[in-house]
Each structure stands twice: as structure tokens, then as C-alpha cells.
């Protein structure tokens, strides 16, 4: 059971960060969309959304630090396909940047509106739509959905069309 990646598969630390992040991002997107479609949910869902957002930010920063300092990525699944490999890099970078900017814009929205006491202590919430970071947060959520769908779609394409075992690289090893 190796924490670090090999030339052909991701290590257990990268795998754990990936799947925890994936679950957290899905929960973040679902909770954000739910609040956007039903104002009555905002007071109950926002505390969960905010805390989970901080968790996603920490996981993403840890993931970046892990790759920069402690581990290396496995070789591309298809080294000969440079366009596919470059596209995968762009999507992954887009996911990381979108997540980090969304976390920052969410925190900035709460800070600029002074909403933290109302979020965690009850009371009337301010109008978030009036601050620029919320607009960025909302727009980036759409981009994050597109990037996530592209990422998931590519993984499923590899798994079920190309049948090259790509998803197996991102599963825990023994």
C-alpha cells in the first residue's frame, strides 16, 4: 500500500484526495444549485455549504502541495496522444483554479457582506447578489460543472469505449 504514485498508477494519498474532493465538490455544487433554486433552503444549507467549501479549498491546496513537493504524476495513459494529454492537463488545471477561486470568492462574499454571524447564529441574511465576489462565485460554479462533466465524461470514455483501464489508476491499491 503505497502513498506515492508509480509510473503507471496514482498513490493512495492522491487517490484519497481525489475521491474526497470529488464527493465534496459534488455536494458543494448540489447545495449551491439547491440554494439558487429555493431561497427557503438558504438559511439551512448555507452553513453546510460554507464549511464544505473550506474543506474543498484545504483539500485542493493540499493536493497541489502534494504534487509539487511530495509526489509525481504517473505517466500519461496514452503517451503517444499529445493532444489528449494536453487537454487533460488543461481540464485538471481548470478544475483546480476554478475551485480555489470559488473558495476565495465565497469567503470574500461572506466577509464583504458581514454574513458570518447570521449564517452561524441565525438572523436575516444579507443580499449576496450585491457583491462582486458572489457574481464570480456564481459564474465559476457553471464553469466548474462543465469541467467536472468533461472530466467524468473522459474517464467514462476511457473506461467503457477505449477500455484502457484508466479508472483503475485512480483506485486504492493494496
N, C-alpha and C. Protein backbone atom coordinates (compact mmCIF):
# COMPACT_ATOMS: atom_id res chain seq x y z
N UNK A 1 0.85 -1.17 0.00
CA UNK A 1 0.00 0.00 0.00
C UNK A 1 0.90 1.24 0.00
N UNK A 2 1.05 1.84 -1.16
CA UNK A 2 1.95 2.96 -1.31
C UNK A 2 1.21 4.29 -1.31
N UNK A 3 1.69 5.22 -0.51
CA UNK A 3 1.11 6.55 -0.51
C UNK A 3 1.46 7.31 -1.78
N UNK A 4 2.62 7.01 -2.34
CA UNK A 4 3.10 7.75 -3.51
C UNK A 4 2.76 7.02 -4.81
N UNK A 5 2.69 7.82 -5.86
CA UNK A 5 2.35 7.30 -7.17
C UNK A 5 3.53 6.57 -7.79
N UNK A 6 3.20 5.65 -8.71
CA UNK A 6 4.21 4.97 -9.51
C UNK A 6 4.10 5.52 -10.93
N UNK A 7 4.87 4.98 -11.82
CA UNK A 7 4.83 5.43 -13.21
C UNK A 7 3.48 5.12 -13.87
N UNK A 8 2.75 4.14 -13.32
CA UNK A 8 1.53 3.70 -14.00
C UNK A 8 0.24 3.86 -13.20
N UNK A 9 0.33 4.25 -11.92
CA UNK A 9 -0.90 4.44 -11.15
C UNK A 9 -0.66 5.47 -10.05
N UNK A 10 -1.77 6.04 -9.59
CA UNK A 10 -1.70 7.04 -8.54
C UNK A 10 -1.55 6.36 -7.19
N UNK A 11 -0.81 7.02 -6.30
CA UNK A 11 -0.64 6.51 -4.95
C UNK A 11 -1.90 6.71 -4.13
N UNK A 12 -1.95 6.04 -3.00
CA UNK A 12 -3.15 6.09 -2.17
C UNK A 12 -3.46 7.48 -1.61
N UNK A 13 -2.44 8.30 -1.41
CA UNK A 13 -2.72 9.67 -0.94
C UNK A 13 -3.43 10.46 -2.03
N UNK A 14 -2.94 10.40 -3.26
CA UNK A 14 -3.58 11.10 -4.37
C UNK A 14 -4.99 10.56 -4.61
N UNK A 15 -5.15 9.25 -4.50
CA UNK A 15 -6.46 8.63 -4.68
C UNK A 15 -7.44 9.13 -3.62
N UNK A 16 -7.01 9.15 -2.37
CA UNK A 16 -7.88 9.61 -1.29
C UNK A 16 -8.27 11.07 -1.48
N UNK A 17 -7.31 11.90 -1.81
CA UNK A 17 -7.60 13.32 -2.02
C UNK A 17 -8.57 13.48 -3.19
N UNK A 18 -8.34 12.73 -4.27
CA UNK A 18 -9.19 12.82 -5.45
C UNK A 18 -10.65 12.50 -5.12
N UNK A 19 -10.88 11.33 -4.49
CA UNK A 19 -12.26 10.90 -4.26
C UNK A 19 -12.95 11.73 -3.16
N UNK A 20 -12.21 12.15 -2.14
CA UNK A 20 -12.79 13.06 -1.13
C UNK A 20 -13.15 14.40 -1.77
N UNK A 21 -12.25 14.90 -2.61
CA UNK A 21 -12.52 16.17 -3.31
C UNK A 21 -13.71 16.03 -4.24
N UNK A 22 -13.77 14.92 -4.98
CA UNK A 22 -14.88 14.72 -5.92
C UNK A 22 -16.22 14.72 -5.17
N UNK A 23 -16.29 13.99 -4.08
CA UNK A 23 -17.52 13.95 -3.29
C UNK A 23 -17.87 15.34 -2.75
N UNK A 24 -16.87 16.02 -2.20
CA UNK A 24 -17.10 17.35 -1.63
C UNK A 24 -17.54 18.34 -2.70
N UNK A 25 -16.92 18.31 -3.88
CA UNK A 25 -17.30 19.24 -4.95
C UNK A 25 -18.72 18.95 -5.42
N UNK A 26 -19.07 17.68 -5.56
CA UNK A 26 -20.44 17.35 -5.96
C UNK A 26 -21.44 17.87 -4.93
N UNK A 27 -21.15 17.66 -3.65
CA UNK A 27 -22.04 18.17 -2.59
C UNK A 27 -22.11 19.69 -2.62
N UNK A 28 -20.99 20.33 -2.88
CA UNK A 28 -20.96 21.80 -2.97
C UNK A 28 -21.83 22.28 -4.12
N UNK A 29 -21.67 21.67 -5.29
CA UNK A 29 -22.45 22.09 -6.45
C UNK A 29 -23.95 21.84 -6.24
N UNK A 30 -24.28 20.68 -5.70
CA UNK A 30 -25.69 20.37 -5.45
C UNK A 30 -26.28 21.34 -4.43
N UNK A 31 -25.57 21.60 -3.35
CA UNK A 31 -26.10 22.50 -2.33
C UNK A 31 -26.20 23.93 -2.87
N UNK A 32 -25.22 24.36 -3.66
CA UNK A 32 -25.27 25.70 -4.25
C UNK A 32 -26.43 25.85 -5.22
N UNK A 33 -26.62 24.84 -6.08
CA UNK A 33 -27.75 24.89 -7.02
C UNK A 33 -29.09 24.84 -6.28
N UNK A 34 -29.16 24.04 -5.23
CA UNK A 34 -30.40 23.96 -4.45
C UNK A 34 -30.74 25.32 -3.84
N UNK A 35 -29.73 26.00 -3.29
CA UNK A 35 -29.99 27.32 -2.70
C UNK A 35 -30.38 28.33 -3.77
N UNK A 36 -29.77 28.21 -4.95
CA UNK A 36 -30.10 29.13 -6.04
C UNK A 36 -31.51 28.95 -6.57
N UNK A 37 -32.04 27.75 -6.41
CA UNK A 37 -33.39 27.46 -6.91
C UNK A 37 -34.47 27.55 -5.85
N UNK A 38 -34.08 27.71 -4.57
CA UNK A 38 -35.08 27.75 -3.50
C UNK A 38 -34.54 28.60 -2.35
N UNK A 39 -34.97 29.84 -2.30
CA UNK A 39 -34.48 30.77 -1.28
C UNK A 39 -34.76 30.29 0.14
N UNK A 40 -35.80 29.48 0.33
CA UNK A 40 -36.14 28.99 1.66
C UNK A 40 -35.07 28.04 2.20
N UNK A 41 -34.30 27.42 1.31
CA UNK A 41 -33.25 26.50 1.74
C UNK A 41 -31.98 27.20 2.22
N UNK A 42 -31.80 28.44 1.81
CA UNK A 42 -30.53 29.14 2.07
C UNK A 42 -30.15 29.14 3.55
N UNK A 43 -31.00 29.52 4.48
CA UNK A 43 -30.57 29.56 5.88
C UNK A 43 -30.16 28.19 6.43
N UNK A 44 -30.77 27.12 5.93
CA UNK A 44 -30.44 25.77 6.44
C UNK A 44 -29.23 25.17 5.74
N UNK A 45 -29.05 25.46 4.47
CA UNK A 45 -28.00 24.81 3.67
C UNK A 45 -26.69 25.61 3.68
N UNK A 46 -26.78 26.92 3.79
CA UNK A 46 -25.59 27.76 3.69
C UNK A 46 -24.48 27.42 4.70
N UNK A 47 -24.79 27.15 5.97
CA UNK A 47 -23.69 26.79 6.88
C UNK A 47 -22.93 25.54 6.41
N UNK A 48 -23.66 24.53 5.98
CA UNK A 48 -23.06 23.30 5.44
C UNK A 48 -22.22 23.64 4.20
N UNK A 49 -22.77 24.45 3.30
CA UNK A 49 -22.10 24.85 2.05
C UNK A 49 -20.79 25.58 2.36
N UNK A 50 -20.85 26.48 3.32
CA UNK A 50 -19.66 27.28 3.68
C UNK A 50 -18.56 26.41 4.28
N UNK A 51 -18.92 25.57 5.22
CA UNK A 51 -17.92 24.68 5.85
C UNK A 51 -17.34 23.72 4.83
N UNK A 52 -18.19 23.14 4.00
CA UNK A 52 -17.73 22.22 2.97
C UNK A 52 -16.82 22.94 1.97
N UNK A 53 -17.13 24.19 1.67
CA UNK A 53 -16.28 24.98 0.78
C UNK A 53 -14.87 25.14 1.33
N UNK A 54 -14.77 25.37 2.61
CA UNK A 54 -13.44 25.48 3.24
C UNK A 54 -12.71 24.14 3.16
N UNK A 55 -13.44 23.05 3.38
CA UNK A 55 -12.84 21.71 3.28
C UNK A 55 -12.33 21.47 1.85
N UNK A 56 -13.13 21.83 0.86
CA UNK A 56 -12.72 21.67 -0.54
C UNK A 56 -11.47 22.50 -0.82
N UNK A 57 -11.43 23.71 -0.31
CA UNK A 57 -10.26 24.56 -0.51
C UNK A 57 -9.01 23.96 0.11
N UNK A 58 -9.14 23.46 1.33
CA UNK A 58 -7.99 22.85 2.02
C UNK A 58 -7.53 21.60 1.26
N UNK A 59 -8.49 20.77 0.84
CA UNK A 59 -8.13 19.56 0.08
C UNK A 59 -7.42 19.92 -1.23
N UNK A 60 -7.90 20.94 -1.90
CA UNK A 60 -7.29 21.35 -3.17
C UNK A 60 -5.89 21.90 -2.95
N UNK A 61 -5.71 22.73 -1.94
CA UNK A 61 -4.37 23.24 -1.64
C UNK A 61 -3.43 22.10 -1.25
N UNK A 62 -3.94 21.15 -0.47
CA UNK A 62 -3.12 20.01 -0.08
C UNK A 62 -2.75 19.18 -1.31
N UNK A 63 -3.71 19.02 -2.23
CA UNK A 63 -3.44 18.26 -3.46
C UNK A 63 -2.32 18.92 -4.26
N UNK A 64 -2.42 20.23 -4.43
CA UNK A 64 -1.39 20.95 -5.19
C UNK A 64 -0.04 20.82 -4.48
N UNK A 65 -0.02 21.00 -3.17
CA UNK A 65 1.23 20.86 -2.40
C UNK A 65 1.77 19.44 -2.53
N UNK A 66 0.90 18.45 -2.46
CA UNK A 66 1.31 17.05 -2.59
C UNK A 66 2.04 16.83 -3.91
N UNK A 67 1.45 17.36 -5.01
CA UNK A 67 2.08 17.16 -6.32
C UNK A 67 3.37 17.95 -6.45
N UNK A 68 3.42 19.14 -5.91
CA UNK A 68 4.61 19.97 -6.06
C UNK A 68 5.79 19.51 -5.22
N UNK A 69 5.51 18.97 -4.02
CA UNK A 69 6.58 18.69 -3.07
C UNK A 69 6.84 17.20 -2.86
N UNK A 70 5.80 16.40 -2.75
CA UNK A 70 5.98 15.04 -2.26
C UNK A 70 5.84 13.93 -3.29
N UNK A 71 5.15 14.16 -4.37
CA UNK A 71 4.81 13.07 -5.28
C UNK A 71 4.95 13.54 -6.72
N UNK A 72 4.84 12.61 -7.63
CA UNK A 72 4.83 12.93 -9.05
C UNK A 72 3.64 12.23 -9.70
N UNK A 73 3.17 12.82 -10.79
CA UNK A 73 2.06 12.20 -11.52
C UNK A 73 2.57 10.96 -12.25
N UNK A 74 1.71 9.96 -12.40
CA UNK A 74 2.08 8.84 -13.26
C UNK A 74 2.23 9.32 -14.71
N UNK A 75 2.84 8.50 -15.52
CA UNK A 75 2.95 8.82 -16.94
C UNK A 75 1.55 8.90 -17.53
N UNK A 76 1.37 9.64 -18.62
CA UNK A 76 0.06 9.68 -19.26
C UNK A 76 -0.39 8.27 -19.67
N UNK A 77 -1.70 8.06 -19.66
CA UNK A 77 -2.24 6.74 -20.03
C UNK A 77 -1.88 6.38 -21.46
N UNK A 78 -1.87 7.38 -22.34
CA UNK A 78 -1.51 7.17 -23.74
C UNK A 78 -0.44 8.20 -24.12
N UNK A 79 0.84 7.89 -23.86
CA UNK A 79 1.91 8.87 -24.09
C UNK A 79 1.98 9.38 -25.52
N UNK A 80 1.50 8.60 -26.48
CA UNK A 80 1.59 9.00 -27.89
C UNK A 80 0.53 10.04 -28.26
N UNK A 81 -0.50 10.20 -27.46
CA UNK A 81 -1.59 11.11 -27.80
C UNK A 81 -1.37 12.45 -27.09
N UNK A 82 -0.56 13.30 -27.68
CA UNK A 82 -0.19 14.55 -27.02
C UNK A 82 -1.38 15.51 -26.90
N UNK A 83 -2.29 15.52 -27.86
CA UNK A 83 -3.46 16.40 -27.76
C UNK A 83 -4.33 15.99 -26.58
N UNK A 84 -4.58 14.71 -26.44
CA UNK A 84 -5.38 14.21 -25.31
C UNK A 84 -4.70 14.53 -23.98
N UNK A 85 -3.40 14.35 -23.90
CA UNK A 85 -2.67 14.61 -22.66
C UNK A 85 -2.69 16.10 -22.32
N UNK A 86 -2.56 16.95 -23.33
CA UNK A 86 -2.57 18.38 -23.09
C UNK A 86 -3.97 18.83 -22.63
N UNK A 87 -5.00 18.28 -23.27
CA UNK A 87 -6.37 18.60 -22.89
C UNK A 87 -6.65 18.16 -21.45
N UNK A 88 -6.16 16.99 -21.06
CA UNK A 88 -6.33 16.52 -19.69
C UNK A 88 -5.65 17.47 -18.71
N UNK A 89 -4.46 17.95 -19.05
CA UNK A 89 -3.76 18.90 -18.18
C UNK A 89 -4.55 20.20 -18.04
N UNK A 90 -5.10 20.69 -19.15
CA UNK A 90 -5.86 21.94 -19.13
C UNK A 90 -7.12 21.78 -18.27
N UNK A 91 -7.81 20.66 -18.42
CA UNK A 91 -9.03 20.44 -17.62
C UNK A 91 -8.68 20.34 -16.13
N UNK A 92 -7.63 19.60 -15.80
CA UNK A 92 -7.24 19.48 -14.38
C UNK A 92 -6.84 20.84 -13.81
N UNK A 93 -6.05 21.60 -14.55
CA UNK A 93 -5.66 22.93 -14.09
C UNK A 93 -6.90 23.81 -13.93
N UNK A 94 -7.82 23.72 -14.89
CA UNK A 94 -9.06 24.48 -14.80
C UNK A 94 -9.87 24.12 -13.58
N UNK A 95 -9.93 22.83 -13.26
CA UNK A 95 -10.65 22.40 -12.06
C UNK A 95 -10.02 23.00 -10.81
N UNK A 96 -8.68 22.92 -10.70
CA UNK A 96 -8.01 23.44 -9.51
C UNK A 96 -8.21 24.95 -9.38
N UNK A 97 -8.03 25.68 -10.49
CA UNK A 97 -8.17 27.14 -10.44
C UNK A 97 -9.61 27.52 -10.12
N UNK A 98 -10.57 26.88 -10.79
CA UNK A 98 -11.98 27.20 -10.54
C UNK A 98 -12.33 26.95 -9.08
N UNK A 99 -11.88 25.82 -8.54
CA UNK A 99 -12.18 25.51 -7.14
C UNK A 99 -11.58 26.56 -6.21
N UNK A 100 -10.31 26.89 -6.40
CA UNK A 100 -9.65 27.84 -5.50
C UNK A 100 -10.26 29.24 -5.61
N UNK A 101 -10.59 29.67 -6.82
CA UNK A 101 -11.21 30.99 -6.97
C UNK A 101 -12.63 30.97 -6.39
N UNK A 102 -13.33 29.86 -6.55
CA UNK A 102 -14.67 29.77 -5.95
C UNK A 102 -14.60 29.84 -4.43
N UNK A 103 -13.64 29.16 -3.84
CA UNK A 103 -13.48 29.22 -2.38
C UNK A 103 -13.17 30.65 -1.96
N UNK A 104 -12.23 31.28 -2.66
CA UNK A 104 -11.86 32.66 -2.32
C UNK A 104 -13.04 33.61 -2.50
N UNK A 105 -13.80 33.44 -3.58
CA UNK A 105 -14.93 34.34 -3.82
C UNK A 105 -16.06 34.09 -2.82
N UNK A 106 -16.22 32.84 -2.38
CA UNK A 106 -17.21 32.54 -1.35
C UNK A 106 -16.85 33.19 -0.02
N UNK A 107 -15.58 33.06 0.35
CA UNK A 107 -15.10 33.69 1.58
C UNK A 107 -15.22 35.21 1.49
N UNK A 108 -14.86 35.77 0.34
CA UNK A 108 -14.95 37.22 0.15
C UNK A 108 -16.40 37.70 0.22
N UNK A 109 -17.32 36.91 -0.32
CA UNK A 109 -18.74 37.27 -0.26
C UNK A 109 -19.20 37.35 1.20
N UNK A 110 -18.85 36.34 1.98
CA UNK A 110 -19.24 36.34 3.39
C UNK A 110 -18.57 37.50 4.13
N UNK A 111 -17.30 37.75 3.85
CA UNK A 111 -16.58 38.83 4.53
C UNK A 111 -17.16 40.20 4.18
N UNK A 112 -17.40 40.42 2.88
CA UNK A 112 -17.88 41.74 2.46
C UNK A 112 -19.31 42.03 2.89
N UNK A 113 -20.10 41.01 3.06
CA UNK A 113 -21.49 41.22 3.49
C UNK A 113 -21.65 41.13 5.00
N UNK A 114 -20.59 40.67 5.70
CA UNK A 114 -20.69 40.51 7.14
C UNK A 114 -21.70 39.44 7.54
N UNK A 115 -21.85 38.43 6.70
CA UNK A 115 -22.91 37.44 6.88
C UNK A 115 -22.58 36.33 7.89
N UNK A 116 -21.34 36.19 8.32
CA UNK A 116 -20.97 35.05 9.18
C UNK A 116 -21.84 34.94 10.43
N UNK A 117 -22.09 36.02 11.18
CA UNK A 117 -22.94 35.87 12.36
C UNK A 117 -24.35 35.37 12.02
N UNK A 118 -24.91 35.84 10.92
CA UNK A 118 -26.25 35.40 10.53
C UNK A 118 -26.24 33.95 10.05
N UNK A 119 -25.17 33.56 9.37
CA UNK A 119 -25.08 32.20 8.84
C UNK A 119 -25.02 31.20 9.98
N UNK A 120 -24.20 31.49 10.98
CA UNK A 120 -23.99 30.52 12.05
C UNK A 120 -24.79 30.80 13.32
N UNK A 121 -25.38 31.98 13.41
CA UNK A 121 -26.14 32.30 14.62
C UNK A 121 -27.60 32.56 14.37
N UNK A 122 -28.00 32.51 13.14
CA UNK A 122 -29.39 32.81 12.81
C UNK A 122 -29.54 34.29 12.54
N UNK A 123 -30.66 34.64 12.06
CA UNK A 123 -30.92 36.04 11.74
C UNK A 123 -31.04 36.23 10.24
N UNK A 124 -31.31 37.45 9.85
CA UNK A 124 -31.52 37.77 8.45
C UNK A 124 -30.20 37.76 7.68
N UNK A 125 -30.20 37.10 6.56
CA UNK A 125 -29.02 37.06 5.70
C UNK A 125 -29.02 38.27 4.79
N UNK A 126 -27.84 38.80 4.48
CA UNK A 126 -27.77 39.93 3.55
C UNK A 126 -28.03 39.46 2.12
N UNK A 127 -28.15 40.40 1.22
CA UNK A 127 -28.34 40.09 -0.19
C UNK A 127 -26.96 39.88 -0.83
N UNK A 128 -26.63 38.63 -1.06
CA UNK A 128 -25.31 38.30 -1.59
C UNK A 128 -25.12 38.78 -3.02
N UNK A 129 -26.20 38.88 -3.79
CA UNK A 129 -26.09 39.24 -5.20
C UNK A 129 -25.52 40.64 -5.41
N UNK A 130 -25.46 41.44 -4.37
CA UNK A 130 -24.99 42.81 -4.49
C UNK A 130 -23.47 42.95 -4.46
N UNK A 131 -22.74 41.87 -4.19
CA UNK A 131 -21.28 41.98 -4.11
C UNK A 131 -20.62 41.23 -5.26
N UNK A 132 -19.57 41.83 -5.80
CA UNK A 132 -18.89 41.27 -6.98
C UNK A 132 -18.37 39.85 -6.77
N UNK A 133 -17.82 39.50 -5.61
CA UNK A 133 -17.33 38.13 -5.47
C UNK A 133 -18.43 37.08 -5.63
N UNK A 134 -19.67 37.42 -5.27
CA UNK A 134 -20.76 36.46 -5.43
C UNK A 134 -21.04 36.21 -6.91
N UNK A 135 -20.95 37.24 -7.72
CA UNK A 135 -21.15 37.10 -9.16
C UNK A 135 -20.08 36.17 -9.73
N UNK A 136 -18.84 36.38 -9.33
CA UNK A 136 -17.74 35.50 -9.75
C UNK A 136 -18.01 34.07 -9.30
N UNK A 137 -18.44 33.93 -8.05
CA UNK A 137 -18.73 32.61 -7.47
C UNK A 137 -19.80 31.89 -8.28
N UNK A 138 -20.83 32.60 -8.62
CA UNK A 138 -21.95 32.03 -9.37
C UNK A 138 -21.52 31.64 -10.78
N UNK A 139 -20.80 32.50 -11.46
CA UNK A 139 -20.35 32.20 -12.82
C UNK A 139 -19.37 31.01 -12.83
N UNK A 140 -18.47 30.99 -11.88
CA UNK A 140 -17.49 29.90 -11.84
C UNK A 140 -18.14 28.56 -11.49
N UNK A 141 -19.26 28.59 -10.78
CA UNK A 141 -19.93 27.33 -10.49
C UNK A 141 -20.38 26.67 -11.79
N UNK A 142 -20.81 27.46 -12.76
CA UNK A 142 -21.21 26.91 -14.07
C UNK A 142 -20.00 26.35 -14.80
N UNK A 143 -18.89 27.06 -14.75
CA UNK A 143 -17.66 26.56 -15.38
C UNK A 143 -17.21 25.26 -14.71
N UNK A 144 -17.29 25.22 -13.40
CA UNK A 144 -16.88 24.01 -12.67
C UNK A 144 -17.75 22.82 -13.06
N UNK A 145 -19.04 23.05 -13.25
CA UNK A 145 -19.92 21.97 -13.69
C UNK A 145 -19.49 21.45 -15.06
N UNK A 146 -19.18 22.36 -15.98
CA UNK A 146 -18.74 21.95 -17.33
C UNK A 146 -17.43 21.18 -17.25
N UNK A 147 -16.48 21.67 -16.47
CA UNK A 147 -15.19 20.98 -16.33
C UNK A 147 -15.36 19.61 -15.69
N UNK A 148 -16.20 19.53 -14.66
CA UNK A 148 -16.43 18.24 -13.99
C UNK A 148 -17.09 17.24 -14.94
N UNK A 149 -18.07 17.70 -15.70
CA UNK A 149 -18.72 16.81 -16.67
C UNK A 149 -17.71 16.35 -17.72
N UNK A 150 -16.86 17.24 -18.18
CA UNK A 150 -15.81 16.85 -19.13
C UNK A 150 -14.85 15.83 -18.54
N UNK A 151 -14.45 16.05 -17.31
CA UNK A 151 -13.53 15.15 -16.62
C UNK A 151 -14.17 13.77 -16.44
N UNK A 152 -15.39 13.74 -15.95
CA UNK A 152 -16.10 12.48 -15.73
C UNK A 152 -16.36 11.79 -17.07
N UNK A 153 -16.77 12.57 -18.06
CA UNK A 153 -17.03 12.01 -19.39
C UNK A 153 -15.79 11.38 -20.00
N UNK A 154 -14.65 12.05 -19.85
CA UNK A 154 -13.40 11.50 -20.39
C UNK A 154 -13.04 10.20 -19.67
N UNK A 155 -13.20 10.17 -18.36
CA UNK A 155 -12.90 8.94 -17.61
C UNK A 155 -13.81 7.80 -18.04
N UNK A 156 -15.09 8.08 -18.22
CA UNK A 156 -16.03 7.05 -18.66
C UNK A 156 -15.74 6.61 -20.10
N UNK A 157 -15.33 7.54 -20.95
CA UNK A 157 -14.95 7.20 -22.32
C UNK A 157 -13.78 6.22 -22.31
N UNK A 158 -12.78 6.53 -21.49
CA UNK A 158 -11.62 5.62 -21.38
C UNK A 158 -12.04 4.26 -20.85
N UNK A 159 -12.92 4.26 -19.86
CA UNK A 159 -13.31 3.01 -19.21
C UNK A 159 -14.17 2.13 -20.12
N UNK A 160 -15.16 2.73 -20.78
CA UNK A 160 -16.16 1.92 -21.47
C UNK A 160 -16.03 1.90 -23.00
N UNK A 161 -15.35 2.88 -23.58
CA UNK A 161 -15.17 2.89 -25.03
C UNK A 161 -13.77 2.40 -25.39
N UNK A 162 -12.77 3.04 -24.83
CA UNK A 162 -11.39 2.62 -25.12
C UNK A 162 -11.00 1.37 -24.34
N UNK A 163 -11.64 1.16 -23.21
CA UNK A 163 -11.38 0.00 -22.34
C UNK A 163 -9.88 -0.14 -22.00
N UNK A 164 -9.30 1.01 -21.63
CA UNK A 164 -7.86 1.00 -21.34
C UNK A 164 -7.55 0.98 -19.84
N UNK A 165 -8.57 0.81 -19.00
CA UNK A 165 -8.34 0.68 -17.56
C UNK A 165 -7.89 1.96 -16.87
N UNK A 166 -8.19 3.10 -17.48
CA UNK A 166 -7.72 4.37 -16.92
C UNK A 166 -8.25 4.58 -15.49
N UNK A 167 -9.50 4.26 -15.24
CA UNK A 167 -10.07 4.50 -13.90
C UNK A 167 -9.36 3.66 -12.84
N UNK A 168 -8.87 2.50 -13.22
CA UNK A 168 -8.15 1.64 -12.28
C UNK A 168 -6.93 2.34 -11.69
N UNK A 169 -6.34 3.27 -12.45
CA UNK A 169 -5.18 4.04 -11.97
C UNK A 169 -5.53 4.91 -10.78
N UNK A 170 -6.84 5.26 -10.65
CA UNK A 170 -7.27 6.16 -9.60
C UNK A 170 -8.04 5.42 -8.51
N UNK A 171 -7.80 4.14 -8.38
CA UNK A 171 -8.42 3.34 -7.32
C UNK A 171 -7.35 3.00 -6.28
N UNK A 172 -7.77 2.81 -5.02
CA UNK A 172 -6.79 2.46 -3.98
C UNK A 172 -6.07 1.16 -4.32
N UNK A 173 -4.79 1.13 -3.98
CA UNK A 173 -4.01 -0.09 -4.17
C UNK A 173 -3.81 -0.77 -2.82
N UNK A 174 -3.49 -2.03 -2.86
CA UNK A 174 -3.28 -2.77 -1.62
C UNK A 174 -1.84 -2.90 -1.27
